[in-house]
């Protein structure tokens, strides 16, 4: 393994971290939009309330435990 390989691995790690963070940011923005619309805390699939514990653990959750995404 040379320096080029190590740099490629570092770059791949950075790109993966960026993609993961971008996905999380998108989910948070979606949850904020649902809050503005008055739909926050309601499952997008079944329309039932999302349990408080799930929202405390994942405030950006848009589905109940029965319909994870």
PDB file of N, CA and C in Angstrom:
ATOM      1  N   UNK A   1       0.837  -1.177   0.000  1.00  0.00           N
ATOM      2  CA  UNK A   1       0.000   0.000   0.000  1.00  0.00           C
ATOM      3  C   UNK A   1       0.878   1.235   0.000  1.00  0.00           C
ATOM      4  N   UNK A   2       0.672   2.064  -0.950  1.00  0.00           N
ATOM      5  CA  UNK A   2       1.431   3.301  -1.015  1.00  0.00           C
ATOM      6  C   UNK A   2       0.592   4.473  -0.548  1.00  0.00           C
ATOM      7  N   UNK A   3       1.202   5.654  -0.649  1.00  0.00           N
ATOM      8  CA  UNK A   3       0.504   6.875  -0.246  1.00  0.00           C
ATOM      9  C   UNK A   3      -0.770   7.102  -1.059  1.00  0.00           C
ATOM     10  N   UNK A   4      -0.750   6.728  -2.318  1.00  0.00           N
ATOM     11  CA  UNK A   4      -1.923   6.907  -3.173  1.00  0.00           C
ATOM     12  C   UNK A   4      -3.103   6.091  -2.692  1.00  0.00           C
ATOM     13  N   UNK A   5      -2.839   4.884  -2.243  1.00  0.00           N
ATOM     14  CA  UNK A   5      -3.906   4.025  -1.733  1.00  0.00           C
ATOM     15  C   UNK A   5      -4.481   4.600  -0.447  1.00  0.00           C
ATOM     16  N   UNK A   6      -3.613   5.051   0.437  1.00  0.00           N
ATOM     17  CA  UNK A   6      -4.079   5.638   1.693  1.00  0.00           C
ATOM     18  C   UNK A   6      -4.910   6.888   1.426  1.00  0.00           C
ATOM     19  N   UNK A   7      -4.485   7.690   0.461  1.00  0.00           N
ATOM     20  CA  UNK A   7      -5.240   8.898   0.117  1.00  0.00           C
ATOM     21  C   UNK A   7      -6.596   8.532  -0.476  1.00  0.00           C
ATOM     22  N   UNK A   8      -6.642   7.479  -1.286  1.00  0.00           N
ATOM     23  CA  UNK A   8      -7.903   7.038  -1.882  1.00  0.00           C
ATOM     24  C   UNK A   8      -8.863   6.548  -0.810  1.00  0.00           C
ATOM     25  N   UNK A   9      -8.344   5.816   0.169  1.00  0.00           N
ATOM     26  CA  UNK A   9      -9.182   5.330   1.268  1.00  0.00           C
ATOM     27  C   UNK A   9      -9.688   6.511   2.085  1.00  0.00           C
ATOM     28  N   UNK A  10      -8.848   7.473   2.364  1.00  0.00           N
ATOM     29  CA  UNK A  10      -9.262   8.676   3.101  1.00  0.00           C
ATOM     30  C   UNK A  10     -10.352   9.421   2.349  1.00  0.00           C
ATOM     31  N   UNK A  11     -10.193   9.542   1.052  1.00  0.00           N
ATOM     32  CA  UNK A  11     -11.180  10.252   0.230  1.00  0.00           C
ATOM     33  C   UNK A  11     -12.510   9.505   0.223  1.00  0.00           C
ATOM     34  N   UNK A  12     -12.459   8.195   0.077  1.00  0.00           N
ATOM     35  CA  UNK A  12     -13.675   7.391   0.083  1.00  0.00           C
ATOM     36  C   UNK A  12     -14.399   7.505   1.421  1.00  0.00           C
ATOM     37  N   UNK A  13     -13.648   7.508   2.500  1.00  0.00           N
ATOM     38  CA  UNK A  13     -14.225   7.674   3.838  1.00  0.00           C
ATOM     39  C   UNK A  13     -14.892   9.035   3.969  1.00  0.00           C
ATOM     40  N   UNK A  14     -14.238  10.073   3.482  1.00  0.00           N
ATOM     41  CA  UNK A  14     -14.791  11.424   3.549  1.00  0.00           C
ATOM     42  C   UNK A  14     -16.068  11.540   2.716  1.00  0.00           C
ATOM     43  N   UNK A  15     -16.080  10.947   1.548  1.00  0.00           N
ATOM     44  CA  UNK A  15     -17.258  10.996   0.677  1.00  0.00           C
ATOM     45  C   UNK A  15     -18.424  10.254   1.330  1.00  0.00           C
ATOM     46  N   UNK A  16     -18.150   9.109   1.914  1.00  0.00           N
ATOM     47  CA  UNK A  16     -19.189   8.341   2.593  1.00  0.00           C
ATOM     48  C   UNK A  16     -19.752   9.118   3.777  1.00  0.00           C
ATOM     49  N   UNK A  17     -18.887   9.734   4.563  1.00  0.00           N
ATOM     50  CA  UNK A  17     -19.341  10.533   5.704  1.00  0.00           C
ATOM     51  C   UNK A  17     -20.189  11.705   5.217  1.00  0.00           C
ATOM     52  N   UNK A  18     -19.777  12.352   4.154  1.00  0.00           N
ATOM     53  CA  UNK A  18     -20.546  13.468   3.589  1.00  0.00           C
ATOM     54  C   UNK A  18     -21.926  13.000   3.150  1.00  0.00           C
ATOM     55  N   UNK A  19     -21.979  11.881   2.452  1.00  0.00           N
ATOM     56  CA  UNK A  19     -23.262  11.364   1.974  1.00  0.00           C
ATOM     57  C   UNK A  19     -24.188  11.033   3.142  1.00  0.00           C
ATOM     58  N   UNK A  20     -23.639  10.429   4.194  1.00  0.00           N
ATOM     59  CA  UNK A  20     -24.437  10.095   5.378  1.00  0.00           C
ATOM     60  C   UNK A  20     -24.961  11.358   6.057  1.00  0.00           C
ATOM     61  N   UNK A  21     -24.110  12.344   6.213  1.00  0.00           N
ATOM     62  CA  UNK A  21     -24.528  13.601   6.841  1.00  0.00           C
ATOM     63  C   UNK A  21     -25.541  14.347   5.976  1.00  0.00           C
ATOM     64  N   UNK A  22     -25.376  14.297   4.664  1.00  0.00           N
ATOM     65  CA  UNK A  22     -26.336  14.941   3.767  1.00  0.00           C
ATOM     66  C   UNK A  22     -27.702  14.283   3.887  1.00  0.00           C
ATOM     67  N   UNK A  23     -27.721  12.965   3.995  1.00  0.00           N
ATOM     68  CA  UNK A  23     -28.980  12.250   4.175  1.00  0.00           C
ATOM     69  C   UNK A  23     -29.663  12.630   5.479  1.00  0.00           C
ATOM     70  N   UNK A  24     -28.881  12.756   6.541  1.00  0.00           N
ATOM     71  CA  UNK A  24     -29.428  13.160   7.832  1.00  0.00           C
ATOM     72  C   UNK A  24     -29.960  14.590   7.765  1.00  0.00           C
ATOM     73  N   UNK A  25     -29.225  15.485   7.125  1.00  0.00           N
ATOM     74  CA  UNK A  25     -29.674  16.865   6.980  1.00  0.00           C
ATOM     75  C   UNK A  25     -30.991  16.928   6.196  1.00  0.00           C
ATOM     76  N   UNK A  26     -31.094  16.140   5.142  1.00  0.00           N
ATOM     77  CA  UNK A  26     -32.335  16.090   4.363  1.00  0.00           C
ATOM     78  C   UNK A  26     -33.497  15.606   5.230  1.00  0.00           C
ATOM     79  N   UNK A  27     -33.257  14.592   6.065  1.00  0.00           N
ATOM     80  CA  UNK A  27     -34.304  14.065   6.947  1.00  0.00           C
ATOM     81  C   UNK A  27     -34.733  15.105   7.973  1.00  0.00           C
ATOM     82  N   UNK A  28     -33.793  15.847   8.517  1.00  0.00           N
ATOM     83  CA  UNK A  28     -34.116  16.895   9.490  1.00  0.00           C
ATOM     84  C   UNK A  28     -34.920  18.005   8.816  1.00  0.00           C
ATOM     85  N   UNK A  29     -34.529  18.398   7.629  1.00  0.00           N
ATOM     86  CA  UNK A  29     -35.284  19.433   6.900  1.00  0.00           C
ATOM     87  C   UNK A  29     -36.707  18.966   6.605  1.00  0.00           C
ATOM     88  N   UNK A  30     -36.856  17.700   6.255  1.00  0.00           N
ATOM     89  CA  UNK A  30     -38.187  17.143   5.988  1.00  0.00           C
ATOM     90  C   UNK A  30     -39.031  17.173   7.263  1.00  0.00           C
ATOM     91  N   UNK A  31     -38.432  16.800   8.382  1.00  0.00           N
ATOM     92  CA  UNK A  31     -39.154  16.825   9.664  1.00  0.00           C
ATOM     93  C   UNK A  31     -39.558  18.258  10.028  1.00  0.00           C
ATOM     94  N   UNK A  32     -38.683  19.212   9.788  1.00  0.00           N
ATOM     95  CA  UNK A  32     -39.013  20.613  10.072  1.00  0.00           C
ATOM     96  C   UNK A  32     -40.162  21.097   9.185  1.00  0.00           C
ATOM     97  N   UNK A  33     -40.181  20.678   7.944  1.00  0.00           N
ATOM     98  CA  UNK A  33     -41.277  21.042   7.048  1.00  0.00           C
ATOM     99  C   UNK A  33     -42.586  20.437   7.553  1.00  0.00           C
ATOM    100  N   UNK A  34     -42.524  19.198   8.031  1.00  0.00           N
ATOM    101  CA  UNK A  34     -43.727  18.555   8.584  1.00  0.00           C
ATOM    102  C   UNK A  34     -44.191  19.298   9.833  1.00  0.00           C
ATOM    103  N   UNK A  35     -43.263  19.795  10.616  1.00  0.00           N
ATOM    104  CA  UNK A  35     -43.609  20.575  11.807  1.00  0.00           C
ATOM    105  C   UNK A  35     -44.364  21.842  11.388  1.00  0.00           C
ATOM    106  N   UNK A  36     -43.846  22.542  10.386  1.00  0.00           N
ATOM    107  CA  UNK A  36     -44.506  23.751   9.880  1.00  0.00           C
ATOM    108  C   UNK A  36     -45.905  23.455   9.343  1.00  0.00           C
ATOM    109  N   UNK A  37     -46.084  22.266   8.774  1.00  0.00           N
ATOM    110  CA  UNK A  37     -47.367  21.876   8.180  1.00  0.00           C
ATOM    111  C   UNK A  37     -48.341  21.295   9.207  1.00  0.00           C
ATOM    112  N   UNK A  38     -47.857  21.091  10.434  1.00  0.00           N
ATOM    113  CA  UNK A  38     -48.704  20.496  11.463  1.00  0.00           C
ATOM    114  C   UNK A  38     -48.807  18.990  11.367  1.00  0.00           C
ATOM    115  N   UNK A  39     -47.896  18.356  10.647  1.00  0.00           N
ATOM    116  CA  UNK A  39     -47.927  16.897  10.486  1.00  0.00           C
ATOM    117  C   UNK A  39     -46.811  16.185  11.243  1.00  0.00           C
ATOM    118  N   UNK A  40     -46.015  16.934  12.004  1.00  0.00           N
ATOM    119  CA  UNK A  40     -44.904  16.327  12.747  1.00  0.00           C
ATOM    120  C   UNK A  40     -45.455  15.369  13.801  1.00  0.00           C
ATOM    121  N   UNK A  41     -44.821  14.228  13.942  1.00  0.00           N
ATOM    122  CA  UNK A  41     -45.224  13.259  14.954  1.00  0.00           C
ATOM    123  C   UNK A  41     -46.312  12.304  14.506  1.00  0.00           C
ATOM    124  N   UNK A  42     -46.661  12.361  13.217  1.00  0.00           N
ATOM    125  CA  UNK A  42     -47.672  11.471  12.659  1.00  0.00           C
ATOM    126  C   UNK A  42     -47.001  10.619  11.584  1.00  0.00           C
ATOM    127  N   UNK A  43     -47.194   9.310  11.649  1.00  0.00           N
ATOM    128  CA  UNK A  43     -46.574   8.385  10.698  1.00  0.00           C
ATOM    129  C   UNK A  43     -47.041   8.695   9.277  1.00  0.00           C
ATOM    130  N   UNK A  44     -46.093   8.816   8.359  1.00  0.00           N
ATOM    131  CA  UNK A  44     -46.412   9.077   6.951  1.00  0.00           C
ATOM    132  C   UNK A  44     -47.092   7.890   6.280  1.00  0.00           C
ATOM    133  N   UNK A  45     -46.971   6.691   6.851  1.00  0.00           N
ATOM    134  CA  UNK A  45     -47.528   5.496   6.229  1.00  0.00           C
ATOM    135  C   UNK A  45     -48.940   5.219   6.728  1.00  0.00           C
ATOM    136  N   UNK A  46     -49.106   5.148   8.049  1.00  0.00           N
ATOM    137  CA  UNK A  46     -50.399   4.728   8.592  1.00  0.00           C
ATOM    138  C   UNK A  46     -51.205   5.859   9.223  1.00  0.00           C
ATOM    139  N   UNK A  47     -50.588   7.020   9.439  1.00  0.00           N
ATOM    140  CA  UNK A  47     -51.303   8.144  10.012  1.00  0.00           C
ATOM    141  C   UNK A  47     -51.459   8.111  11.523  1.00  0.00           C
ATOM    142  N   UNK A  48     -50.888   7.100  12.158  1.00  0.00           N
ATOM    143  CA  UNK A  48     -50.943   6.996  13.615  1.00  0.00           C
ATOM    144  C   UNK A  48     -49.852   7.867  14.238  1.00  0.00           C
ATOM    145  N   UNK A  49     -50.035   8.281  15.490  1.00  0.00           N
ATOM    146  CA  UNK A  49     -48.992   9.067  16.158  1.00  0.00           C
ATOM    147  C   UNK A  49     -47.696   8.263  16.302  1.00  0.00           C
ATOM    148  N   UNK A  50     -46.590   8.941  16.120  1.00  0.00           N
ATOM    149  CA  UNK A  50     -45.280   8.325  16.331  1.00  0.00           C
ATOM    150  C   UNK A  50     -45.009   8.399  17.836  1.00  0.00           C
ATOM    151  N   UNK A  51     -44.654   7.278  18.482  1.00  0.00           N
ATOM    152  CA  UNK A  51     -44.425   7.284  19.932  1.00  0.00           C
ATOM    153  C   UNK A  51     -43.370   8.325  20.345  1.00  0.00           C
ATOM    154  N   UNK A  52     -43.624   8.948  21.486  1.00  0.00           N
ATOM    155  CA  UNK A  52     -42.738   9.999  21.998  1.00  0.00           C
ATOM    156  C   UNK A  52     -41.292   9.515  22.122  1.00  0.00           C
ATOM    157  N   UNK A  53     -41.115   8.279  22.588  1.00  0.00           N
ATOM    158  CA  UNK A  53     -39.766   7.734  22.734  1.00  0.00           C
ATOM    159  C   UNK A  53     -39.011   7.684  21.423  1.00  0.00           C
ATOM    160  N   UNK A  54     -39.718   7.341  20.344  1.00  0.00           N
ATOM    161  CA  UNK A  54     -39.068   7.304  19.030  1.00  0.00           C
ATOM    162  C   UNK A  54     -38.671   8.713  18.608  1.00  0.00           C
ATOM    163  N   UNK A  55     -39.552   9.679  18.847  1.00  0.00           N
ATOM    164  CA  UNK A  55     -39.229  11.059  18.471  1.00  0.00           C
ATOM    165  C   UNK A  55     -38.106  11.628  19.328  1.00  0.00           C
ATOM    166  N   UNK A  56     -38.008  11.183  20.578  1.00  0.00           N
ATOM    167  CA  UNK A  56     -36.887  11.635  21.412  1.00  0.00           C
ATOM    168  C   UNK A  56     -35.576  11.059  20.904  1.00  0.00           C
ATOM    169  N   UNK A  57     -35.612   9.802  20.463  1.00  0.00           N
ATOM    170  CA  UNK A  57     -34.396   9.154  19.959  1.00  0.00           C
ATOM    171  C   UNK A  57     -34.043   9.632  18.551  1.00  0.00           C
ATOM    172  N   UNK A  58     -35.067   9.850  17.726  1.00  0.00           N
ATOM    173  CA  UNK A  58     -34.873  10.260  16.332  1.00  0.00           C
ATOM    174  C   UNK A  58     -35.877  11.362  16.010  1.00  0.00           C
ATOM    175  N   UNK A  59     -35.582  12.598  16.373  1.00  0.00           N
ATOM    176  CA  UNK A  59     -36.539  13.692  16.160  1.00  0.00           C
ATOM    177  C   UNK A  59     -36.939  13.873  14.694  1.00  0.00           C
ATOM    178  N   UNK A  60     -36.179  13.351  13.784  1.00  0.00           N
ATOM    179  CA  UNK A  60     -36.463  13.470  12.362  1.00  0.00           C
ATOM    180  C   UNK A  60     -37.304  12.298  11.845  1.00  0.00           C
ATOM    181  N   UNK A  61     -37.713  11.383  12.740  1.00  0.00           N
ATOM    182  CA  UNK A  61     -38.508  10.232  12.327  1.00  0.00           C
ATOM    183  C   UNK A  61     -39.830  10.689  11.705  1.00  0.00           C
ATOM    184  N   UNK A  62     -40.195  10.067  10.594  1.00  0.00           N
ATOM    185  CA  UNK A  62     -41.459  10.399   9.935  1.00  0.00           C
ATOM    186  C   UNK A  62     -42.390   9.193   9.872  1.00  0.00           C
ATOM    187  N   UNK A  63     -41.941   8.078  10.445  1.00  0.00           N
ATOM    188  CA  UNK A  63     -42.774   6.886  10.491  1.00  0.00           C
ATOM    189  C   UNK A  63     -42.730   6.270  11.879  1.00  0.00           C
ATOM    190  N   UNK A  64     -43.771   5.508  12.196  1.00  0.00           N
ATOM    191  CA  UNK A  64     -43.802   4.795  13.471  1.00  0.00           C
ATOM    192  C   UNK A  64     -42.874   3.587  13.391  1.00  0.00           C
ATOM    193  N   UNK A  65     -42.746   2.888  14.496  1.00  0.00           N
ATOM    194  CA  UNK A  65     -41.847   1.730  14.558  1.00  0.00           C
ATOM    195  C   UNK A  65     -42.316   0.614  13.625  1.00  0.00           C
ATOM    196  N   UNK A  66     -43.614   0.523  13.416  1.00  0.00           N
ATOM    197  CA  UNK A  66     -44.148  -0.524  12.539  1.00  0.00           C
ATOM    198  C   UNK A  66     -43.795  -0.290  11.061  1.00  0.00           C
ATOM    199  N   UNK A  67     -43.437   0.941  10.727  1.00  0.00           N
ATOM    200  CA  UNK A  67     -43.127   1.290   9.329  1.00  0.00           C
ATOM    201  C   UNK A  67     -41.779   1.992   9.206  1.00  0.00           C
ATOM    202  N   UNK A  68     -40.697   1.340   9.663  1.00  0.00           N
ATOM    203  CA  UNK A  68     -39.377   1.999   9.617  1.00  0.00           C
ATOM    204  C   UNK A  68     -38.905   2.191   8.174  1.00  0.00           C
ATOM    205  N   UNK A  69     -38.143   3.240   8.002  1.00  0.00           N
ATOM    206  CA  UNK A  69     -37.533   3.508   6.681  1.00  0.00           C
ATOM    207  C   UNK A  69     -36.051   3.550   6.813  1.00  0.00           C
TER     208      UNK A  69
END
